[in-house]
Amino acid sequence: MTRSDTIGWVREEIRDQVNQAAACLMAGGVVLLPTDTVYGLAVHPDHDDAITRLFAMKGRPRSVNLPVMIGSRADIIALGGVVNSATDALLDSKYVPGALTLAVGVSEGQLAPWLRGRDEFAVRIPDDDRILAIIKQTGPLLVTSANLHAEQVRESVPEILSTLASQPDLVIDDGIRDTVPSTLVNCRLVPPVVERVGAVSEEEIGSILR
């Protein structure tokens, strides 16, 4: 079965959006799309030019690595990530798929070429049929919130487009979106550290890890 064969389960009303977004990303485009948390900017990791444009679009320093959106736990291993006990516990929680981003360590010999040079990378499995269907066609994507670096997240597409330094190649507008990002937990560290508090509280993370 090819990746494109998996599109059949997606709701008919978003099927065209999924196909258009996947085609744009595979061709090296930048896509603005809704996620289950905030609006995001997505690029395919095999396209360096698209990654460069995304950094410029947000005014984001290249030293601040982009997180990876994946479709399943298996993608972490395939990319060369290390799934330790803390990662395992959080992946098994009710917040995955969902608003929980996990930074994981790397296995140098198995690391995907576009992740080389990192000692960790952040991954998230979204609770969103549209994005999961896109990832089934493209594989893991680099996705970051659609706002200028270090500025507040905007809730609507017109607001987002008015602030970005340049425009994405494709825009999927799904109306007003939440402005609360995912919670980021660094599972490479011992003990794990909550590096950004978002939709999932520190108390909830603590209760899972205990």
N, C-alpha and C. Protein backbone atom coordinates (compact mmCIF):
# COMPACT_ATOMS: atom_id res chain seq x y z
N MET A 1 0.84 -1.20 0.00
CA MET A 1 0.00 0.00 0.00
C MET A 1 0.88 1.25 0.00
N THR A 2 0.61 2.19 -0.88
CA THR A 2 1.34 3.45 -0.90
C THR A 2 0.71 4.42 0.09
N ARG A 3 1.44 5.51 0.38
CA ARG A 3 0.90 6.51 1.30
C ARG A 3 -0.40 7.08 0.78
N SER A 4 -0.50 7.31 -0.53
CA SER A 4 -1.71 7.92 -1.08
C SER A 4 -2.93 7.02 -0.97
N ASP A 5 -2.71 5.71 -0.82
CA ASP A 5 -3.84 4.79 -0.68
C ASP A 5 -4.56 4.97 0.65
N THR A 6 -3.92 5.62 1.60
CA THR A 6 -4.51 5.74 2.93
C THR A 6 -5.48 6.91 3.06
N ILE A 7 -5.68 7.69 1.98
CA ILE A 7 -6.52 8.87 2.05
C ILE A 7 -8.00 8.54 2.19
N GLY A 8 -8.39 7.29 1.93
CA GLY A 8 -9.81 6.94 1.91
C GLY A 8 -10.55 7.16 3.20
N TRP A 9 -9.87 7.11 4.35
CA TRP A 9 -10.55 7.24 5.63
C TRP A 9 -10.85 8.69 5.99
N VAL A 10 -10.31 9.65 5.25
CA VAL A 10 -10.47 11.05 5.59
C VAL A 10 -11.86 11.54 5.17
N ARG A 11 -12.44 12.42 5.99
CA ARG A 11 -13.74 13.00 5.66
C ARG A 11 -13.68 13.65 4.28
N GLU A 12 -14.74 13.43 3.51
CA GLU A 12 -14.76 13.90 2.12
C GLU A 12 -14.53 15.39 2.01
N GLU A 13 -15.06 16.16 2.97
CA GLU A 13 -14.97 17.62 2.86
C GLU A 13 -13.55 18.15 3.02
N ILE A 14 -12.63 17.36 3.59
CA ILE A 14 -11.26 17.84 3.73
C ILE A 14 -10.29 17.07 2.82
N ARG A 15 -10.82 16.14 2.05
CA ARG A 15 -9.93 15.30 1.23
C ARG A 15 -9.14 16.13 0.21
N ASP A 16 -9.80 17.09 -0.43
CA ASP A 16 -9.10 17.93 -1.40
C ASP A 16 -8.01 18.76 -0.72
N GLN A 17 -8.32 19.27 0.48
CA GLN A 17 -7.32 20.04 1.22
C GLN A 17 -6.10 19.19 1.54
N VAL A 18 -6.34 17.96 1.94
CA VAL A 18 -5.24 17.05 2.27
C VAL A 18 -4.37 16.81 1.04
N ASN A 19 -4.98 16.51 -0.09
CA ASN A 19 -4.22 16.23 -1.31
C ASN A 19 -3.45 17.46 -1.78
N GLN A 20 -4.07 18.64 -1.71
CA GLN A 20 -3.40 19.87 -2.14
C GLN A 20 -2.22 20.18 -1.22
N ALA A 21 -2.44 20.04 0.08
CA ALA A 21 -1.37 20.34 1.02
C ALA A 21 -0.20 19.37 0.85
N ALA A 22 -0.50 18.09 0.73
CA ALA A 22 0.56 17.10 0.55
C ALA A 22 1.36 17.36 -0.72
N ALA A 23 0.67 17.68 -1.80
CA ALA A 23 1.35 17.95 -3.07
C ALA A 23 2.24 19.18 -2.95
N CYS A 24 1.74 20.22 -2.30
CA CYS A 24 2.51 21.45 -2.12
C CYS A 24 3.75 21.19 -1.28
N LEU A 25 3.61 20.46 -0.21
CA LEU A 25 4.74 20.17 0.66
C LEU A 25 5.79 19.31 -0.05
N MET A 26 5.34 18.31 -0.78
CA MET A 26 6.27 17.43 -1.49
C MET A 26 7.00 18.18 -2.60
N ALA A 27 6.39 19.26 -3.10
CA ALA A 27 7.02 20.06 -4.15
C ALA A 27 7.93 21.15 -3.59
N GLY A 28 8.02 21.23 -2.26
CA GLY A 28 8.90 22.21 -1.65
C GLY A 28 8.23 23.49 -1.23
N GLY A 29 6.91 23.45 -1.01
CA GLY A 29 6.18 24.63 -0.60
C GLY A 29 6.07 24.77 0.91
N VAL A 30 5.63 25.95 1.33
CA VAL A 30 5.33 26.23 2.73
C VAL A 30 3.82 26.32 2.86
N VAL A 31 3.24 25.59 3.80
CA VAL A 31 1.79 25.53 3.96
C VAL A 31 1.39 26.08 5.32
N LEU A 32 0.42 26.99 5.32
CA LEU A 32 -0.22 27.46 6.55
C LEU A 32 -1.46 26.62 6.76
N LEU A 33 -1.56 25.95 7.90
CA LEU A 33 -2.67 25.04 8.11
C LEU A 33 -3.09 25.01 9.57
N PRO A 34 -4.37 24.69 9.83
CA PRO A 34 -4.82 24.57 11.22
C PRO A 34 -4.34 23.25 11.82
N THR A 35 -4.02 23.30 13.11
CA THR A 35 -3.72 22.06 13.83
C THR A 35 -4.75 21.91 14.93
N ASP A 36 -4.59 20.92 15.77
CA ASP A 36 -5.51 20.73 16.89
C ASP A 36 -5.24 21.72 18.01
N THR A 37 -4.15 22.50 17.89
CA THR A 37 -3.89 23.56 18.87
C THR A 37 -3.95 24.91 18.15
N VAL A 38 -2.82 25.37 17.63
CA VAL A 38 -2.78 26.66 16.96
C VAL A 38 -2.57 26.45 15.45
N TYR A 39 -2.68 27.55 14.68
CA TYR A 39 -2.30 27.47 13.27
C TYR A 39 -0.80 27.24 13.17
N GLY A 40 -0.40 26.43 12.17
CA GLY A 40 1.00 26.12 12.01
C GLY A 40 1.51 26.37 10.61
N LEU A 41 2.82 26.52 10.49
CA LEU A 41 3.50 26.59 9.19
C LEU A 41 4.27 25.30 9.02
N ALA A 42 4.05 24.63 7.90
CA ALA A 42 4.63 23.30 7.68
C ALA A 42 5.50 23.28 6.43
N VAL A 43 6.59 22.52 6.50
CA VAL A 43 7.43 22.26 5.34
C VAL A 43 7.88 20.80 5.39
N HIS A 44 8.26 20.29 4.23
CA HIS A 44 8.82 18.93 4.17
C HIS A 44 10.31 19.00 4.48
N PRO A 45 10.82 18.13 5.33
CA PRO A 45 12.23 18.23 5.75
C PRO A 45 13.25 17.98 4.65
N ASP A 46 12.84 17.41 3.52
CA ASP A 46 13.78 17.16 2.43
C ASP A 46 14.05 18.40 1.58
N HIS A 47 13.33 19.48 1.84
CA HIS A 47 13.45 20.69 1.01
C HIS A 47 14.11 21.82 1.80
N ASP A 48 15.42 21.96 1.63
CA ASP A 48 16.17 22.98 2.37
C ASP A 48 15.69 24.39 2.07
N ASP A 49 15.34 24.64 0.82
CA ASP A 49 14.87 25.99 0.45
C ASP A 49 13.59 26.34 1.20
N ALA A 50 12.69 25.38 1.33
CA ALA A 50 11.44 25.62 2.05
C ALA A 50 11.72 25.89 3.52
N ILE A 51 12.66 25.16 4.09
CA ILE A 51 13.02 25.36 5.50
C ILE A 51 13.60 26.76 5.69
N THR A 52 14.47 27.18 4.78
CA THR A 52 15.06 28.53 4.85
C THR A 52 13.97 29.59 4.76
N ARG A 53 13.01 29.40 3.86
CA ARG A 53 11.91 30.35 3.72
C ARG A 53 11.07 30.41 4.99
N LEU A 54 10.84 29.26 5.62
CA LEU A 54 10.03 29.22 6.83
C LEU A 54 10.71 30.00 7.96
N PHE A 55 12.01 29.81 8.13
CA PHE A 55 12.72 30.57 9.15
C PHE A 55 12.62 32.07 8.89
N ALA A 56 12.78 32.46 7.63
CA ALA A 56 12.70 33.89 7.28
C ALA A 56 11.29 34.43 7.47
N MET A 57 10.31 33.63 7.14
CA MET A 57 8.90 34.03 7.24
C MET A 57 8.54 34.39 8.68
N LYS A 58 9.10 33.63 9.63
CA LYS A 58 8.83 33.85 11.05
C LYS A 58 9.85 34.77 11.72
N GLY A 59 10.97 35.05 11.04
CA GLY A 59 12.06 35.75 11.69
C GLY A 59 12.66 34.92 12.80
N ARG A 60 12.68 33.62 12.60
CA ARG A 60 13.15 32.69 13.63
C ARG A 60 14.63 32.41 13.42
N PRO A 61 15.45 32.51 14.45
CA PRO A 61 16.88 32.20 14.29
C PRO A 61 17.08 30.74 13.88
N ARG A 62 18.04 30.49 13.01
CA ARG A 62 18.29 29.12 12.57
C ARG A 62 18.77 28.24 13.72
N SER A 63 19.27 28.85 14.78
CA SER A 63 19.73 28.08 15.93
C SER A 63 18.58 27.49 16.74
N VAL A 64 17.35 27.96 16.51
CA VAL A 64 16.18 27.44 17.21
C VAL A 64 15.52 26.39 16.32
N ASN A 65 15.79 25.12 16.61
CA ASN A 65 15.35 24.04 15.73
C ASN A 65 13.83 23.95 15.62
N LEU A 66 13.38 23.46 14.48
CA LEU A 66 11.94 23.29 14.24
C LEU A 66 11.48 21.94 14.79
N PRO A 67 10.30 21.89 15.41
CA PRO A 67 9.75 20.61 15.87
C PRO A 67 9.24 19.77 14.72
N VAL A 68 9.05 18.50 15.00
CA VAL A 68 8.64 17.53 13.98
C VAL A 68 7.24 17.01 14.30
N MET A 69 6.35 17.05 13.33
CA MET A 69 5.02 16.47 13.52
C MET A 69 5.02 15.09 12.87
N ILE A 70 4.57 14.09 13.62
CA ILE A 70 4.64 12.70 13.17
C ILE A 70 3.26 12.05 13.26
N GLY A 71 3.16 10.85 12.71
CA GLY A 71 1.88 10.16 12.70
C GLY A 71 1.74 9.07 13.73
N SER A 72 2.87 8.60 14.27
CA SER A 72 2.80 7.48 15.22
C SER A 72 4.09 7.38 16.02
N ARG A 73 4.04 6.59 17.08
CA ARG A 73 5.23 6.29 17.90
C ARG A 73 6.34 5.69 17.04
N ALA A 74 5.98 4.86 16.08
CA ALA A 74 6.99 4.21 15.24
C ALA A 74 7.85 5.21 14.48
N ASP A 75 7.28 6.38 14.17
CA ASP A 75 8.05 7.40 13.46
C ASP A 75 9.23 7.91 14.29
N ILE A 76 9.09 7.94 15.61
CA ILE A 76 10.19 8.40 16.46
C ILE A 76 11.40 7.49 16.27
N ILE A 77 11.17 6.19 16.32
CA ILE A 77 12.26 5.22 16.14
C ILE A 77 12.84 5.32 14.74
N ALA A 78 11.96 5.44 13.75
CA ALA A 78 12.41 5.50 12.35
C ALA A 78 13.28 6.73 12.09
N LEU A 79 13.02 7.82 12.82
CA LEU A 79 13.82 9.04 12.65
C LEU A 79 15.12 9.00 13.44
N GLY A 80 15.27 8.00 14.30
CA GLY A 80 16.49 7.88 15.10
C GLY A 80 16.34 8.44 16.49
N GLY A 81 15.10 8.59 16.96
CA GLY A 81 14.86 9.06 18.31
C GLY A 81 14.93 7.95 19.33
N VAL A 82 15.19 8.33 20.58
CA VAL A 82 15.27 7.37 21.68
C VAL A 82 13.99 7.47 22.51
N VAL A 83 13.28 6.34 22.64
CA VAL A 83 12.06 6.30 23.44
C VAL A 83 12.42 5.68 24.80
N ASN A 84 12.63 6.54 25.80
CA ASN A 84 12.94 6.05 27.14
C ASN A 84 11.65 5.87 27.95
N SER A 85 11.78 5.58 29.22
CA SER A 85 10.60 5.27 30.03
C SER A 85 9.68 6.48 30.18
N ALA A 86 10.25 7.67 30.31
CA ALA A 86 9.41 8.88 30.42
C ALA A 86 8.66 9.14 29.13
N THR A 87 9.34 9.01 28.01
CA THR A 87 8.69 9.18 26.71
C THR A 87 7.56 8.17 26.55
N ASP A 88 7.84 6.93 26.92
CA ASP A 88 6.85 5.86 26.83
C ASP A 88 5.59 6.19 27.64
N ALA A 89 5.80 6.65 28.87
CA ALA A 89 4.66 6.96 29.74
C ALA A 89 3.80 8.08 29.16
N LEU A 90 4.44 9.10 28.63
CA LEU A 90 3.69 10.23 28.08
C LEU A 90 3.01 9.85 26.76
N LEU A 91 3.66 9.03 25.95
CA LEU A 91 3.04 8.56 24.70
C LEU A 91 1.81 7.72 24.98
N ASP A 92 1.81 7.02 26.12
CA ASP A 92 0.67 6.17 26.49
C ASP A 92 -0.44 6.94 27.21
N SER A 93 -0.24 8.23 27.43
CA SER A 93 -1.21 9.02 28.17
C SER A 93 -2.37 9.45 27.26
N LYS A 94 -3.40 10.02 27.87
CA LYS A 94 -4.58 10.47 27.13
C LYS A 94 -4.30 11.72 26.29
N TYR A 95 -3.12 12.30 26.46
CA TYR A 95 -2.78 13.53 25.73
C TYR A 95 -2.07 13.27 24.41
N VAL A 96 -1.88 12.01 24.08
CA VAL A 96 -1.26 11.62 22.81
C VAL A 96 -2.16 10.62 22.11
N PRO A 97 -2.64 10.91 20.87
CA PRO A 97 -2.40 12.14 20.12
C PRO A 97 -2.99 13.35 20.84
N GLY A 98 -2.40 14.51 20.63
CA GLY A 98 -2.93 15.70 21.25
C GLY A 98 -1.87 16.75 21.49
N ALA A 99 -2.15 17.61 22.48
CA ALA A 99 -1.37 18.83 22.69
C ALA A 99 -0.16 18.61 23.59
N LEU A 100 0.62 17.61 23.26
CA LEU A 100 1.81 17.29 24.04
C LEU A 100 2.99 17.06 23.09
N THR A 101 4.00 17.89 23.23
CA THR A 101 5.23 17.78 22.43
C THR A 101 6.33 17.22 23.31
N LEU A 102 7.05 16.23 22.79
CA LEU A 102 8.10 15.56 23.56
C LEU A 102 9.44 15.73 22.87
N ALA A 103 10.42 16.25 23.61
CA ALA A 103 11.79 16.29 23.11
C ALA A 103 12.47 14.97 23.48
N VAL A 104 13.05 14.32 22.48
CA VAL A 104 13.68 13.01 22.71
C VAL A 104 15.14 13.07 22.32
N GLY A 105 15.94 12.20 22.94
CA GLY A 105 17.34 12.08 22.56
C GLY A 105 17.47 11.33 21.24
N VAL A 106 18.70 11.24 20.75
CA VAL A 106 18.92 10.65 19.43
C VAL A 106 19.87 9.46 19.50
N SER A 107 19.68 8.57 18.54
CA SER A 107 20.59 7.44 18.34
C SER A 107 21.41 7.76 17.09
N GLU A 108 22.65 8.17 17.28
CA GLU A 108 23.45 8.75 16.20
C GLU A 108 23.50 7.90 14.93
N GLY A 109 23.65 6.60 15.09
CA GLY A 109 23.80 5.76 13.91
C GLY A 109 22.53 5.62 13.08
N GLN A 110 21.39 5.97 13.65
CA GLN A 110 20.13 5.79 12.94
C GLN A 110 19.42 7.10 12.63
N LEU A 111 20.03 8.23 12.94
CA LEU A 111 19.37 9.52 12.82
C LEU A 111 19.11 9.88 11.36
N ALA A 112 17.89 10.37 11.09
CA ALA A 112 17.54 10.81 9.73
C ALA A 112 18.52 11.89 9.29
N PRO A 113 18.90 11.91 8.01
CA PRO A 113 19.92 12.88 7.54
C PRO A 113 19.58 14.33 7.88
N TRP A 114 18.31 14.71 7.80
CA TRP A 114 17.94 16.10 8.04
C TRP A 114 17.90 16.46 9.52
N LEU A 115 18.15 15.49 10.39
CA LEU A 115 18.23 15.75 11.82
C LEU A 115 19.66 15.70 12.35
N ARG A 116 20.61 15.39 11.47
CA ARG A 116 22.00 15.26 11.90
C ARG A 116 22.53 16.57 12.47
N GLY A 117 23.31 16.45 13.53
CA GLY A 117 23.82 17.63 14.21
C GLY A 117 23.02 17.97 15.45
N ARG A 118 21.83 17.39 15.59
CA ARG A 118 21.02 17.62 16.79
C ARG A 118 21.34 16.56 17.85
N ASP A 119 21.23 16.95 19.11
CA ASP A 119 21.34 15.96 20.18
C ASP A 119 19.96 15.61 20.73
N GLU A 120 18.95 16.27 20.22
CA GLU A 120 17.56 15.97 20.56
C GLU A 120 16.67 16.57 19.49
N PHE A 121 15.43 16.09 19.40
CA PHE A 121 14.44 16.74 18.54
C PHE A 121 13.07 16.58 19.17
N ALA A 122 12.20 17.54 18.90
CA ALA A 122 10.87 17.55 19.49
C ALA A 122 9.85 16.98 18.52
N VAL A 123 8.97 16.12 19.02
CA VAL A 123 7.97 15.48 18.18
C VAL A 123 6.58 15.65 18.79
N ARG A 124 5.58 15.67 17.91
CA ARG A 124 4.19 15.70 18.37
C ARG A 124 3.31 14.92 17.41
N ILE A 125 2.40 14.14 17.97
CA ILE A 125 1.37 13.45 17.19
C ILE A 125 0.08 14.24 17.37
N PRO A 126 -0.40 14.93 16.33
CA PRO A 126 -1.58 15.78 16.49
C PRO A 126 -2.87 14.98 16.55
N ASP A 127 -3.84 15.51 17.26
CA ASP A 127 -5.17 14.90 17.31
C ASP A 127 -6.04 15.60 16.27
N ASP A 128 -5.70 15.40 15.01
CA ASP A 128 -6.33 16.12 13.91
C ASP A 128 -6.30 15.26 12.65
N ASP A 129 -7.48 14.89 12.16
CA ASP A 129 -7.56 14.01 11.00
C ASP A 129 -6.89 14.60 9.77
N ARG A 130 -7.03 15.91 9.58
CA ARG A 130 -6.47 16.54 8.38
C ARG A 130 -4.95 16.39 8.34
N ILE A 131 -4.30 16.75 9.44
CA ILE A 131 -2.84 16.70 9.45
C ILE A 131 -2.33 15.27 9.43
N LEU A 132 -2.98 14.39 10.15
CA LEU A 132 -2.55 12.98 10.13
C LEU A 132 -2.65 12.40 8.73
N ALA A 133 -3.68 12.80 7.98
CA ALA A 133 -3.83 12.32 6.61
C ALA A 133 -2.74 12.90 5.71
N ILE A 134 -2.37 14.16 5.94
CA ILE A 134 -1.26 14.75 5.17
C ILE A 134 0.03 14.01 5.47
N ILE A 135 0.29 13.74 6.74
CA ILE A 135 1.52 13.05 7.12
C ILE A 135 1.56 11.64 6.54
N LYS A 136 0.40 10.99 6.41
CA LYS A 136 0.38 9.65 5.79
C LYS A 136 0.87 9.71 4.35
N GLN A 137 0.68 10.85 3.69
CA GLN A 137 1.17 10.99 2.32
C GLN A 137 2.62 11.48 2.25
N THR A 138 3.01 12.34 3.17
CA THR A 138 4.32 12.99 3.06
C THR A 138 5.39 12.39 3.95
N GLY A 139 4.99 11.72 5.03
CA GLY A 139 5.93 11.37 6.09
C GLY A 139 6.05 12.53 7.06
N PRO A 140 6.89 12.41 8.09
CA PRO A 140 7.03 13.47 9.11
C PRO A 140 7.31 14.83 8.50
N LEU A 141 6.77 15.87 9.15
CA LEU A 141 6.91 17.24 8.67
C LEU A 141 7.51 18.13 9.75
N LEU A 142 8.16 19.19 9.33
CA LEU A 142 8.59 20.24 10.25
C LEU A 142 7.44 21.23 10.34
N VAL A 143 6.91 21.42 11.54
CA VAL A 143 5.74 22.29 11.74
C VAL A 143 5.97 23.15 12.96
N THR A 144 5.77 24.45 12.80
CA THR A 144 5.92 25.39 13.90
C THR A 144 4.76 26.36 13.91
N SER A 145 4.50 26.98 15.04
CA SER A 145 3.36 27.90 15.14
C SER A 145 3.49 29.04 14.14
N ALA A 146 2.36 29.47 13.60
CA ALA A 146 2.33 30.46 12.52
C ALA A 146 2.31 31.88 13.09
N ASN A 147 3.42 32.30 13.65
CA ASN A 147 3.56 33.64 14.20
C ASN A 147 5.01 34.07 14.08
N LEU A 148 5.24 35.37 14.15
CA LEU A 148 6.62 35.84 14.19
C LEU A 148 7.30 35.31 15.44
N HIS A 149 8.58 35.05 15.34
CA HIS A 149 9.33 34.48 16.44
C HIS A 149 9.22 35.35 17.69
N ALA A 150 8.91 34.70 18.82
CA ALA A 150 8.83 35.35 20.14
C ALA A 150 7.64 36.30 20.27
N GLU A 151 6.73 36.31 19.28
CA GLU A 151 5.53 37.11 19.40
C GLU A 151 4.33 36.22 19.67
N GLN A 152 3.23 36.82 20.10
CA GLN A 152 2.06 36.04 20.47
C GLN A 152 1.45 35.31 19.27
N VAL A 153 0.82 34.19 19.55
CA VAL A 153 0.14 33.41 18.52
C VAL A 153 -1.17 34.10 18.14
N ARG A 154 -1.46 34.17 16.85
CA ARG A 154 -2.69 34.80 16.37
C ARG A 154 -3.75 33.72 16.15
N GLU A 155 -5.02 34.12 16.28
CA GLU A 155 -6.09 33.11 16.23
C GLU A 155 -6.77 32.99 14.88
N SER A 156 -6.50 33.90 13.94
CA SER A 156 -7.17 33.82 12.63
C SER A 156 -6.15 33.96 11.50
N VAL A 157 -6.50 33.42 10.35
CA VAL A 157 -5.60 33.46 9.18
C VAL A 157 -5.31 34.89 8.73
N PRO A 158 -6.31 35.78 8.60
CA PRO A 158 -5.98 37.15 8.19
C PRO A 158 -4.97 37.83 9.11
N GLU A 159 -5.11 37.62 10.42
CA GLU A 159 -4.15 38.19 11.37
C GLU A 159 -2.75 37.62 11.15
N ILE A 160 -2.69 36.31 10.94
CA ILE A 160 -1.41 35.65 10.74
C ILE A 160 -0.71 36.17 9.49
N LEU A 161 -1.45 36.22 8.39
CA LEU A 161 -0.85 36.64 7.11
C LEU A 161 -0.38 38.09 7.16
N SER A 162 -1.03 38.91 7.97
CA SER A 162 -0.64 40.33 8.06
C SER A 162 0.65 40.52 8.84
N THR A 163 1.06 39.51 9.60
CA THR A 163 2.25 39.66 10.43
C THR A 163 3.48 38.97 9.86
N LEU A 164 3.31 37.94 9.06
CA LEU A 164 4.45 37.18 8.55
C LEU A 164 5.29 38.02 7.59
N ALA A 165 6.58 37.74 7.54
CA ALA A 165 7.50 38.50 6.69
C ALA A 165 7.28 38.23 5.20
N SER A 166 6.75 37.07 4.88
CA SER A 166 6.38 36.71 3.50
C SER A 166 5.22 35.75 3.56
N GLN A 167 4.69 35.39 2.40
CA GLN A 167 3.47 34.61 2.37
C GLN A 167 3.72 33.13 2.06
N PRO A 168 2.96 32.23 2.69
CA PRO A 168 3.08 30.79 2.38
C PRO A 168 2.54 30.49 0.99
N ASP A 169 2.87 29.32 0.48
CA ASP A 169 2.42 28.92 -0.86
C ASP A 169 0.98 28.44 -0.87
N LEU A 170 0.53 27.89 0.24
CA LEU A 170 -0.84 27.39 0.34
C LEU A 170 -1.37 27.73 1.73
N VAL A 171 -2.64 28.16 1.77
CA VAL A 171 -3.27 28.52 3.03
C VAL A 171 -4.55 27.70 3.19
N ILE A 172 -4.70 27.04 4.32
CA ILE A 172 -5.94 26.35 4.67
C ILE A 172 -6.56 27.10 5.84
N ASP A 173 -7.67 27.77 5.57
CA ASP A 173 -8.33 28.59 6.58
C ASP A 173 -9.49 27.80 7.18
N ASP A 174 -9.42 27.55 8.48
CA ASP A 174 -10.48 26.82 9.17
C ASP A 174 -11.09 27.68 10.29
N GLY A 175 -11.11 28.99 10.05
CA GLY A 175 -11.72 29.89 11.01
C GLY A 175 -10.85 30.16 12.21
N ILE A 176 -11.46 30.61 13.28
CA ILE A 176 -10.74 30.95 14.51
C ILE A 176 -10.15 29.69 15.14
N ARG A 177 -8.91 29.80 15.54
CA ARG A 177 -8.22 28.70 16.20
C ARG A 177 -7.75 29.15 17.58
N ASP A 178 -7.59 28.19 18.47
CA ASP A 178 -7.09 28.47 19.81
C ASP A 178 -5.69 29.08 19.72
N THR A 179 -5.29 29.81 20.75
CA THR A 179 -3.94 30.38 20.78
C THR A 179 -3.08 29.74 21.87
N VAL A 180 -3.57 28.62 22.42
CA VAL A 180 -2.79 27.91 23.44
C VAL A 180 -1.99 26.80 22.77
N PRO A 181 -0.67 26.86 22.82
CA PRO A 181 0.14 25.84 22.15
C PRO A 181 0.19 24.54 22.95
N SER A 182 0.88 23.56 22.40
CA SER A 182 1.09 22.31 23.13
C SER A 182 2.06 22.53 24.28
N THR A 183 2.01 21.64 25.23
CA THR A 183 2.99 21.62 26.31
C THR A 183 4.22 20.84 25.84
N LEU A 184 5.39 21.39 26.11
CA LEU A 184 6.65 20.75 25.69
C LEU A 184 7.36 20.16 26.90
N VAL A 185 7.63 18.86 26.83
CA VAL A 185 8.36 18.16 27.89
C VAL A 185 9.64 17.59 27.31
N ASN A 186 10.76 17.94 27.91
CA ASN A 186 12.04 17.39 27.47
C ASN A 186 12.28 16.07 28.19
N CYS A 187 12.09 14.99 27.45
CA CYS A 187 12.25 13.64 28.01
C CYS A 187 13.68 13.13 27.92
N ARG A 188 14.54 13.87 27.26
CA ARG A 188 15.95 13.47 27.20
C ARG A 188 16.64 13.72 28.54
N LEU A 189 16.13 14.72 29.26
CA LEU A 189 16.71 15.08 30.54
C LEU A 189 16.21 14.14 31.64
N VAL A 190 17.03 13.94 32.65
CA VAL A 190 16.65 13.08 33.78
C VAL A 190 16.80 13.89 35.07
N PRO A 191 15.69 14.20 35.76
CA PRO A 191 14.31 13.87 35.37
C PRO A 191 13.83 14.76 34.23
N PRO A 192 12.73 14.39 33.56
CA PRO A 192 12.18 15.20 32.47
C PRO A 192 11.82 16.60 32.96
N VAL A 193 11.90 17.57 32.06
CA VAL A 193 11.63 18.97 32.40
C VAL A 193 10.54 19.52 31.48
N VAL A 194 9.55 20.18 32.07
CA VAL A 194 8.52 20.87 31.28
C VAL A 194 9.14 22.20 30.82
N GLU A 195 9.40 22.32 29.53
CA GLU A 195 10.08 23.51 29.01
C GLU A 195 9.11 24.57 28.50
N ARG A 196 7.88 24.19 28.25
CA ARG A 196 6.84 25.16 27.89
C ARG A 196 5.51 24.63 28.39
N VAL A 197 4.82 25.43 29.18
CA VAL A 197 3.50 25.04 29.66
C VAL A 197 2.46 25.53 28.66
N GLY A 198 1.64 24.61 28.17
CA GLY A 198 0.59 24.95 27.23
C GLY A 198 -0.72 24.33 27.63
N ALA A 199 -1.30 23.55 26.72
CA ALA A 199 -2.63 22.98 26.95
C ALA A 199 -2.66 21.94 28.06
N VAL A 200 -1.54 21.32 28.34
CA VAL A 200 -1.46 20.31 29.41
C VAL A 200 -0.65 20.90 30.57
N SER A 201 -1.20 20.87 31.78
CA SER A 201 -0.56 21.52 32.92
C SER A 201 0.65 20.72 33.42
N GLU A 202 1.53 21.42 34.17
CA GLU A 202 2.68 20.75 34.78
C GLU A 202 2.22 19.68 35.76
N GLU A 203 1.11 19.94 36.47
CA GLU A 203 0.59 18.99 37.43
C GLU A 203 0.17 17.68 36.74
N GLU A 204 -0.47 17.83 35.57
CA GLU A 204 -0.88 16.64 34.84
C GLU A 204 0.33 15.85 34.33
N ILE A 205 1.34 16.55 33.87
CA ILE A 205 2.57 15.88 33.44
C ILE A 205 3.20 15.15 34.62
N GLY A 206 3.27 15.82 35.75
CA GLY A 206 3.86 15.21 36.94
C GLY A 206 3.13 13.96 37.37
N SER A 207 1.82 13.99 37.30
CA SER A 207 1.05 12.81 37.72
C SER A 207 1.28 11.63 36.80
N ILE A 208 1.48 11.89 35.53
CA ILE A 208 1.76 10.79 34.58
C ILE A 208 3.14 10.20 34.85
N LEU A 209 4.11 11.06 35.07
CA LEU A 209 5.50 10.59 35.24
C LEU A 209 5.74 9.95 36.59
N ARG A 210 4.91 10.27 37.57
CA ARG A 210 5.05 9.62 38.88
C ARG A 210 4.59 8.18 38.83
